C-alpha atoms as a PDB file:
ATOM      1  CA  MET A   1      -5.189 -20.608 -20.694  1.00  0.00           C
ATOM      2  CA  ARG A   2      -1.705 -20.444 -21.695  1.00  0.00           C
ATOM      3  CA  ASP A   3      -2.572 -22.162 -24.850  1.00  0.00           C
ATOM      4  CA  LEU A   4      -5.145 -20.047 -25.563  1.00  0.00           C
ATOM      5  CA  PHE A   5      -2.879 -16.976 -25.446  1.00  0.00           C
ATOM      6  CA  ILE A   6      -0.272 -19.215 -27.590  1.00  0.00           C
ATOM      7  CA  SER A   7      -2.930 -19.724 -30.139  1.00  0.00           C
ATOM      8  CA  LEU A   8      -4.193 -16.319 -30.626  1.00  0.00           C
ATOM      9  CA  MET A   9      -0.466 -14.740 -30.528  1.00  0.00           C
ATOM     10  CA  GLY A  10       1.886 -17.411 -31.250  1.00  0.00           C
ATOM     11  CA  LYS A  11       5.373 -17.658 -30.150  1.00  0.00           C
ATOM     12  CA  PRO A  12       6.547 -15.988 -27.861  1.00  0.00           C
ATOM     13  CA  ASP A  13       4.188 -13.459 -27.936  1.00  0.00           C
ATOM     14  CA  GLY A  14       1.745 -15.331 -26.408  1.00  0.00           C
ATOM     15  CA  ILE A  15       3.750 -16.956 -23.706  1.00  0.00           C
ATOM     16  CA  ILE A  16       5.069 -13.645 -22.591  1.00  0.00           C
ATOM     17  CA  LEU A  17       1.776 -12.050 -22.412  1.00  0.00           C
ATOM     18  CA  PHE A  18       0.023 -15.019 -20.025  1.00  0.00           C
ATOM     19  CA  GLN A  19       2.972 -15.014 -17.894  1.00  0.00           C
ATOM     20  CA  LEU A  20       2.941 -11.338 -17.233  1.00  0.00           C
ATOM     21  CA  ILE A  21      -0.562 -11.583 -16.549  1.00  0.00           C
ATOM     22  CA  GLU A  22      -0.278 -14.707 -14.241  1.00  0.00           C
ATOM     23  CA  ALA A  23       2.834 -12.769 -12.222  1.00  0.00           C
ATOM     24  CA  THR A  24       0.158  -9.834 -11.847  1.00  0.00           C
ATOM     25  CA  GLN A  25      -2.110 -11.851  -9.688  1.00  0.00           C
ATOM     26  CA  PHE A  26       1.002 -11.837  -7.247  1.00  0.00           C
ATOM     27  CA  THR A  27       1.189  -8.072  -7.358  1.00  0.00           C
ATOM     28  CA  ILE A  28      -2.339  -7.862  -6.566  1.00  0.00           C
ATOM     29  CA  TYR A  29      -2.113 -10.380  -3.613  1.00  0.00           C
ATOM     30  CA  LEU A  30       0.778  -8.558  -2.030  1.00  0.00           C
ATOM     31  CA  SER A  31      -1.083  -5.113  -2.573  1.00  0.00           C
ATOM     32  CA  LEU A  32      -4.152  -6.398  -0.692  1.00  0.00           C
ATOM     33  CA  ILE A  33      -1.968  -8.273   2.315  1.00  0.00           C
ATOM     34  CA  ALA A  34      -0.248  -5.256   2.983  1.00  0.00           C
ATOM     35  CA  PHE A  35      -3.079  -2.593   2.309  1.00  0.00           C
ATOM     36  CA  LEU A  36      -5.093  -4.848   5.152  1.00  0.00           C
ATOM     37  CA  GLY A  37      -2.107  -5.789   7.254  1.00  0.00           C
ATOM     38  CA  GLY A  38      -1.033  -1.631   6.829  1.00  0.00           C
ATOM     39  CA  GLY A  39      -4.583  -0.469   7.805  1.00  0.00           C
ATOM     40  CA  ILE A  40      -4.504  -2.895  11.128  1.00  0.00           C
ATOM     41  CA  ILE A  41      -1.395  -1.459  12.256  1.00  0.00           C
ATOM     42  CA  GLY A  42      -1.928   1.991  10.913  1.00  0.00           C
ATOM     43  CA  GLY A  43      -5.267   2.236  13.187  1.00  0.00           C
ATOM     44  CA  LEU A  44      -3.564   1.274  16.267  1.00  0.00           C
ATOM     45  CA  VAL A  45      -0.888   3.449  15.567  1.00  0.00           C
ATOM     46  CA  THR A  46      -3.054   6.402  14.980  1.00  0.00           C
ATOM     47  CA  LEU A  47      -5.395   5.728  17.932  1.00  0.00           C
ATOM     48  CA  LEU A  48      -1.584   6.198  20.030  1.00  0.00           C
ATOM     49  CA  ARG A  49      -1.249   9.095  18.230  1.00  0.00           C
ATOM     50  CA  ILE A  50      -4.405  10.835  19.365  1.00  0.00           C
ATOM     51  CA  MET A  51      -4.974   9.757  22.479  1.00  0.00           C
ATOM     52  CA  PRO A  52      -4.418  12.655  25.364  1.00  0.00           C
ATOM     53  CA  ASN A  53      -1.441  10.661  26.725  1.00  0.00           C
ATOM     54  CA  LYS A  54       1.998  12.014  25.944  1.00  0.00           C
ATOM     55  CA  THR A  55       3.912   8.770  26.315  1.00  0.00           C
ATOM     56  CA  ALA A  56       1.394   6.942  23.459  1.00  0.00           C
ATOM     57  CA  LYS A  57       1.643  10.042  21.197  1.00  0.00           C
ATOM     58  CA  GLY A  58       5.409   9.972  21.465  1.00  0.00           C
ATOM     59  CA  ILE A  59       5.473   6.224  20.426  1.00  0.00           C
ATOM     60  CA  ALA A  60       3.096   6.768  17.454  1.00  0.00           C
ATOM     61  CA  VAL A  61       5.001   9.989  16.172  1.00  0.00           C
ATOM     62  CA  SER A  62       8.223   8.216  16.562  1.00  0.00           C
ATOM     63  CA  TYR A  63       7.095   5.063  14.751  1.00  0.00           C
ATOM     64  CA  ILE A  64       5.416   7.056  11.641  1.00  0.00           C
ATOM     65  CA  TRP A  65       8.531   9.398  11.790  1.00  0.00           C
ATOM     66  CA  LEU A  66      11.012   6.251  11.561  1.00  0.00           C
ATOM     67  CA  PHE A  67       9.498   4.229   8.895  1.00  0.00           C
ATOM     68  CA  GLN A  68       8.260   7.313   6.754  1.00  0.00           C
ATOM     69  CA  SER A  69      11.872   8.559   6.617  1.00  0.00           C
ATOM     70  CA  THR A  70      13.116   4.456   5.774  1.00  0.00           C
ATOM     71  CA  PRO A  71      12.936   4.423   1.913  1.00  0.00           C
ATOM     72  CA  LEU A  72      10.736   1.234   0.943  1.00  0.00           C
ATOM     73  CA  LEU A  73      13.798  -0.172  -0.905  1.00  0.00           C
ATOM     74  CA  MET A  74      15.548   0.076   2.393  1.00  0.00           C
ATOM     75  CA  LEU A  75      13.188  -2.027   4.466  1.00  0.00           C
ATOM     76  CA  LEU A  76      13.052  -4.727   1.575  1.00  0.00           C
ATOM     77  CA  PHE A  77      16.849  -4.926   1.566  1.00  0.00           C
ATOM     78  CA  LEU A  78      17.132  -5.173   5.560  1.00  0.00           C
ATOM     79  CA  THR A  79      14.409  -7.679   5.772  1.00  0.00           C
ATOM     80  CA  GLY A  80      14.718  -9.498   3.115  1.00  0.00           C
ATOM     81  CA  LEU A  81      18.880  -9.702   2.724  1.00  0.00           C
ATOM     82  CA  GLY A  82      20.297  -7.990   5.488  1.00  0.00           C
ATOM     83  CA  ALA A  83      18.154  -9.699   8.470  1.00  0.00           C
ATOM     84  CA  PRO A  84      19.187 -13.204   6.796  1.00  0.00           C
ATOM     85  CA  ALA A  85      22.552 -12.685   6.522  1.00  0.00           C
ATOM     86  CA  LEU A  86      23.249 -10.971   9.810  1.00  0.00           C
ATOM     87  CA  LEU A  87      21.048 -13.703  11.643  1.00  0.00           C
ATOM     88  CA  GLY A  88      21.972 -16.712   9.684  1.00  0.00           C
ATOM     89  CA  ILE A  89      18.407 -17.676   8.599  1.00  0.00           C
ATOM     90  CA  THR A  90      16.359 -17.818   5.644  1.00  0.00           C
ATOM     91  CA  ILE A  91      13.502 -15.447   5.232  1.00  0.00           C
ATOM     92  CA  ASP A  92      10.995 -16.441   2.338  1.00  0.00           C
ATOM     93  CA  PRO A  93      10.776 -13.213  -0.103  1.00  0.00           C
ATOM     94  CA  TRP A  94       6.747 -13.432   0.401  1.00  0.00           C
ATOM     95  CA  ALA A  95       7.279 -12.960   4.238  1.00  0.00           C
ATOM     96  CA  ALA A  96      10.098 -10.416   3.506  1.00  0.00           C
ATOM     97  CA  ALA A  97       7.711  -8.335   1.325  1.00  0.00           C
ATOM     98  CA  ILE A  98       4.565  -8.481   3.274  1.00  0.00           C
ATOM     99  CA  PHE A  99       6.369  -7.297   6.110  1.00  0.00           C
ATOM    100  CA  SER A 100       8.072  -4.284   4.733  1.00  0.00           C
ATOM    101  CA  LEU A 101       4.895  -3.163   2.652  1.00  0.00           C
ATOM    102  CA  THR A 102       2.976  -3.680   5.775  1.00  0.00           C
ATOM    103  CA  ILE A 103       4.929  -1.419   8.038  1.00  0.00           C
ATOM    104  CA  TYR A 104       5.764   1.276   5.108  1.00  0.00           C
ATOM    105  CA  SER A 105       1.669   0.995   4.430  1.00  0.00           C
ATOM    106  CA  SER A 106       1.218   1.612   8.283  1.00  0.00           C
ATOM    107  CA  ALA A 107       3.181   4.452   8.858  1.00  0.00           C
ATOM    108  CA  TYR A 108       1.534   6.491   5.800  1.00  0.00           C
ATOM    109  CA  LEU A 109      -2.208   5.284   6.527  1.00  0.00           C
ATOM    110  CA  ALA A 110      -1.816   6.382  10.385  1.00  0.00           C
ATOM    111  CA  ASP A 111      -0.762   9.686   9.249  1.00  0.00           C
ATOM    112  CA  VAL A 112      -3.623  10.204   6.546  1.00  0.00           C
ATOM    113  CA  TRP A 113      -6.125   8.762   9.166  1.00  0.00           C
ATOM    114  CA  ARG A 114      -4.571  11.148  11.918  1.00  0.00           C
ATOM    115  CA  GLY A 115      -4.988  14.268   9.664  1.00  0.00           C
ATOM    116  CA  ALA A 116      -8.692  13.199   8.917  1.00  0.00           C
ATOM    117  CA  ILE A 117      -9.605  12.816  12.798  1.00  0.00           C
ATOM    118  CA  GLU A 118      -7.634  16.120  13.796  1.00  0.00           C
ATOM    119  CA  SER A 119      -9.659  17.897  10.695  1.00  0.00           C
ATOM    120  CA  VAL A 120     -12.944  17.174  12.310  1.00  0.00           C
ATOM    121  CA  PRO A 121     -13.756  20.844  14.276  1.00  0.00           C
ATOM    122  CA  GLN A 122     -12.944  21.001  17.628  1.00  0.00           C
ATOM    123  CA  GLY A 123     -16.271  22.054  18.975  1.00  0.00           C
ATOM    124  CA  GLN A 124     -17.344  18.370  17.931  1.00  0.00           C
ATOM    125  CA  TRP A 125     -15.233  16.894  20.708  1.00  0.00           C
ATOM    126  CA  GLU A 126     -16.070  19.897  23.056  1.00  0.00           C
ATOM    127  CA  GLY A 127     -19.859  19.361  22.411  1.00  0.00           C
ATOM    128  CA  ALA A 128     -19.524  15.665  23.477  1.00  0.00           C
ATOM    129  CA  ARG A 129     -17.637  16.620  26.875  1.00  0.00           C
ATOM    130  CA  ALA A 130     -20.239  19.059  27.341  1.00  0.00           C
ATOM    131  CA  ILE A 131     -22.883  16.444  27.439  1.00  0.00           C
ATOM    132  CA  GLY A 132     -20.588  14.210  29.732  1.00  0.00           C
ATOM    133  CA  LEU A 133     -19.047  11.630  26.833  1.00  0.00           C
ATOM    134  CA  GLY A 134     -15.776  10.236  27.504  1.00  0.00           C
ATOM    135  CA  PHE A 135     -12.738  10.141  24.736  1.00  0.00           C
ATOM    136  CA  TYR A 136     -13.406   6.912  23.406  1.00  0.00           C
ATOM    137  CA  PRO A 137     -16.970   7.561  23.247  1.00  0.00           C
ATOM    138  CA  THR A 138     -16.539  10.834  21.582  1.00  0.00           C
ATOM    139  CA  LEU A 139     -14.195   9.187  19.163  1.00  0.00           C
ATOM    140  CA  ARG A 140     -16.379   6.236  18.314  1.00  0.00           C
ATOM    141  CA  LYS A 141     -19.818   8.063  18.138  1.00  0.00           C
ATOM    142  CA  VAL A 142     -18.703  11.515  16.705  1.00  0.00           C
ATOM    143  CA  VAL A 143     -15.510  11.880  15.574  1.00  0.00           C
ATOM    144  CA  LEU A 144     -14.859   8.811  13.488  1.00  0.00           C
ATOM    145  CA  PRO A 145     -18.374   8.731  11.421  1.00  0.00           C
ATOM    146  CA  GLN A 146     -17.110  12.496  10.064  1.00  0.00           C
ATOM    147  CA  ALA A 147     -13.232  11.480   9.758  1.00  0.00           C
ATOM    148  CA  LEU A 148     -14.376   8.646   7.647  1.00  0.00           C
ATOM    149  CA  ASN A 149     -15.739  10.821   5.166  1.00  0.00           C
ATOM    150  CA  ILE A 150     -12.424  13.034   4.866  1.00  0.00           C
ATOM    151  CA  ALA A 151      -9.929   9.727   4.832  1.00  0.00           C
ATOM    152  CA  LEU A 152     -11.982   7.401   2.513  1.00  0.00           C
ATOM    153  CA  ALA A 153     -10.555   9.394  -0.599  1.00  0.00           C
ATOM    154  CA  PRO A 154      -6.860   9.551   0.445  1.00  0.00           C
ATOM    155  CA  THR A 155      -6.983   5.998   1.740  1.00  0.00           C
ATOM    156  CA  VAL A 156      -8.035   4.652  -1.587  1.00  0.00           C
ATOM    157  CA  GLY A 157      -5.726   7.020  -3.346  1.00  0.00           C
ATOM    158  CA  PHE A 158      -2.614   5.421  -1.335  1.00  0.00           C
ATOM    159  CA  MET A 159      -3.512   1.785  -2.710  1.00  0.00           C
ATOM    160  CA  VAL A 160      -1.915   3.426  -5.621  1.00  0.00           C
ATOM    161  CA  GLN A 161       1.391   4.012  -3.864  1.00  0.00           C
ATOM    162  CA  ILE A 162       0.984   0.204  -2.696  1.00  0.00           C
ATOM    163  CA  ILE A 163       0.461  -1.032  -5.719  1.00  0.00           C
ATOM    164  CA  LYS A 164       3.608   0.749  -7.279  1.00  0.00           C
ATOM    165  CA  GLY A 165       5.881  -0.135  -4.196  1.00  0.00           C
ATOM    166  CA  THR A 166       5.327  -3.826  -4.824  1.00  0.00           C
ATOM    167  CA  SER A 167       7.137  -3.377  -7.893  1.00  0.00           C
ATOM    168  CA  LEU A 168      10.861  -3.100  -5.849  1.00  0.00           C
ATOM    169  CA  ALA A 169       9.834  -6.492  -4.217  1.00  0.00           C
ATOM    170  CA  TYR A 170      11.756  -8.365  -7.150  1.00  0.00           C
ATOM    171  CA  ILE A 171      15.395  -6.910  -5.583  1.00  0.00           C
ATOM    172  CA  ILE A 172      14.645  -9.749  -2.893  1.00  0.00           C
ATOM    173  CA  GLY A 173      13.470 -12.413  -5.347  1.00  0.00           C
ATOM    174  CA  PHE A 174       9.868 -11.838  -5.125  1.00  0.00           C
ATOM    175  CA  HIS A 175       8.217 -13.128  -8.165  1.00  0.00           C
ATOM    176  CA  ASP A 176       5.762 -10.753  -9.648  1.00  0.00           C
ATOM    177  CA  LEU A 177       5.043  -8.415 -12.802  1.00  0.00           C
ATOM    178  CA  MET A 178       8.317  -6.866 -12.211  1.00  0.00           C
ATOM    179  CA  ALA A 179      10.362 -10.073 -11.762  1.00  0.00           C
ATOM    180  CA  ILE A 180       9.046 -11.699 -14.709  1.00  0.00           C
ATOM    181  CA  GLY A 181       9.158  -8.793 -16.993  1.00  0.00           C
ATOM    182  CA  LYS A 182      12.747  -8.120 -15.938  1.00  0.00           C
ATOM    183  CA  ARG A 183      13.678 -11.613 -16.772  1.00  0.00           C
ATOM    184  CA  TRP A 184      11.896 -12.117 -20.071  1.00  0.00           C
ATOM    185  CA  ALA A 185      13.574  -8.022 -21.150  1.00  0.00           C
ATOM    186  CA  ASN A 186      16.982  -9.869 -20.581  1.00  0.00           C
ATOM    187  CA  ALA A 187      16.247 -12.919 -21.914  1.00  0.00           C
ATOM    188  CA  PRO A 188      17.790 -13.567 -25.728  1.00  0.00           C
ATOM    189  CA  VAL A 189      14.390 -13.972 -27.506  1.00  0.00           C
ATOM    190  CA  GLU A 190      12.936 -12.407 -30.248  1.00  0.00           C
ATOM    191  CA  GLY A 191      10.101 -10.392 -29.412  1.00  0.00           C
ATOM    192  CA  SER A 192      11.197 -10.024 -25.471  1.00  0.00           C
ATOM    193  CA  GLU A 193      13.230  -6.470 -26.155  1.00  0.00           C
ATOM    194  CA  PRO A 194      13.013  -4.115 -23.249  1.00  0.00           C
ATOM    195  CA  PHE A 195      11.060  -1.721 -25.817  1.00  0.00           C
ATOM    196  CA  VAL A 196       8.206  -4.507 -25.949  1.00  0.00           C
ATOM    197  CA  ILE A 197       8.364  -5.663 -22.432  1.00  0.00           C
ATOM    198  CA  TYR A 198       8.332  -2.527 -20.314  1.00  0.00           C
ATOM    199  CA  PRO A 199       5.811  -0.872 -22.252  1.00  0.00           C
ATOM    200  CA  LEU A 200       3.613  -4.004 -21.664  1.00  0.00           C
ATOM    201  CA  MET A 201       4.399  -3.896 -17.886  1.00  0.00           C
ATOM    202  CA  ALA A 202       3.790  -0.078 -17.737  1.00  0.00           C
ATOM    203  CA  LEU A 203       0.321  -0.790 -19.379  1.00  0.00           C
ATOM    204  CA  ILE A 204      -0.441  -3.402 -16.895  1.00  0.00           C
ATOM    205  CA  TYR A 205       0.379  -1.379 -13.857  1.00  0.00           C
ATOM    206  CA  PHE A 206      -1.330   1.422 -15.384  1.00  0.00           C
ATOM    207  CA  SER A 207      -4.519  -0.648 -15.789  1.00  0.00           C
ATOM    208  CA  LEU A 208      -4.363  -1.530 -12.088  1.00  0.00           C
ATOM    209  CA  CYS A 209      -3.589   1.840 -10.437  1.00  0.00           C
ATOM    210  CA  TYR A 210      -5.709   4.423 -12.923  1.00  0.00           C
ATOM    211  CA  PRO A 211      -9.368   3.044 -11.972  1.00  0.00           C
ATOM    212  CA  LEU A 212      -8.342   3.334  -8.273  1.00  0.00           C
ATOM    213  CA  THR A 213      -7.127   6.831  -8.829  1.00  0.00           C
ATOM    214  CA  LEU A 214     -10.449   7.701 -10.936  1.00  0.00           C
ATOM    215  CA  PHE A 215     -12.216   6.335  -7.640  1.00  0.00           C
ATOM    216  CA  SER A 216     -10.007   8.112  -5.260  1.00  0.00           C
ATOM    217  CA  ARG A 217     -11.279  11.281  -7.225  1.00  0.00           C
ATOM    218  CA  TRP A 218     -14.663  10.419  -7.509  1.00  0.00           C
ATOM    219  CA  LEU A 219     -14.832   9.968  -3.720  1.00  0.00           C
ATOM    220  CA  GLU A 220     -13.622  13.087  -2.912  1.00  0.00           C
ATOM    221  CA  LYS A 221     -16.136  14.801  -5.410  1.00  0.00           C
ATOM    222  CA  ARG A 222     -18.972  12.812  -3.807  1.00  0.00           C
ATOM    223  CA  LEU A 223     -18.041  13.465  -0.187  1.00  0.00           C
ATOM    224  CA  GLY A 224     -16.956  16.390  -0.527  1.00  0.00           C
ATOM    225  CA  SER A 225     -15.166  18.056   2.728  1.00  0.00           C
ATOM    226  CA  PRO A 226     -16.531  18.565   6.325  1.00  0.00           C
ATOM    227  CA  ALA A 227     -18.264  21.906   7.349  1.00  0.00           C
ATOM    228  CA  HIS A 228     -16.140  23.984   9.562  1.00  0.00           C
END
């Protein structure tokens, strides 16, 4: 594949474009892992947030507040650079990036899903209780199917934020699109000037994010909002 790019575009243009596209796969992998991991943790935090238990609710609120208030860049610094220096250990950039982005994603997804659940009319809860359903059966059979329609569009839309967030992981040595692009932009090679490299990177990020944005908008129009 590399040779194909070189034969079509020559050197160094073919090499640059090939390496940027090749590095994009790691941006995609990191985004998907963070989204899935954040979804699992975010689902658990959402459950704690809506439970009729003050302690559980307090834990969830504190978690969401803490990690929404902490910039992603700071999380990356702490996990990828701070913890290794403090504890005298080596943390792989993959592990640090996954941990930081997963925690970051879980806090925001938990808030999105909590809002979706709370937007279901209270009468749905009351009606379920009137026919003898408890909290969990009501949540599973009555509320979640309705909340899913509300949460789907913003959940897909948040994937765009995760993809853009991966661009910060280069600071801890994660080799993704941003890291390779910056390396080429700083290289003393004709054809790799910043005004060439950064627009190329922007175009690749755009090609990843824009379809998700369109899909999110389509879902929002398709599913609409629930009747109150």
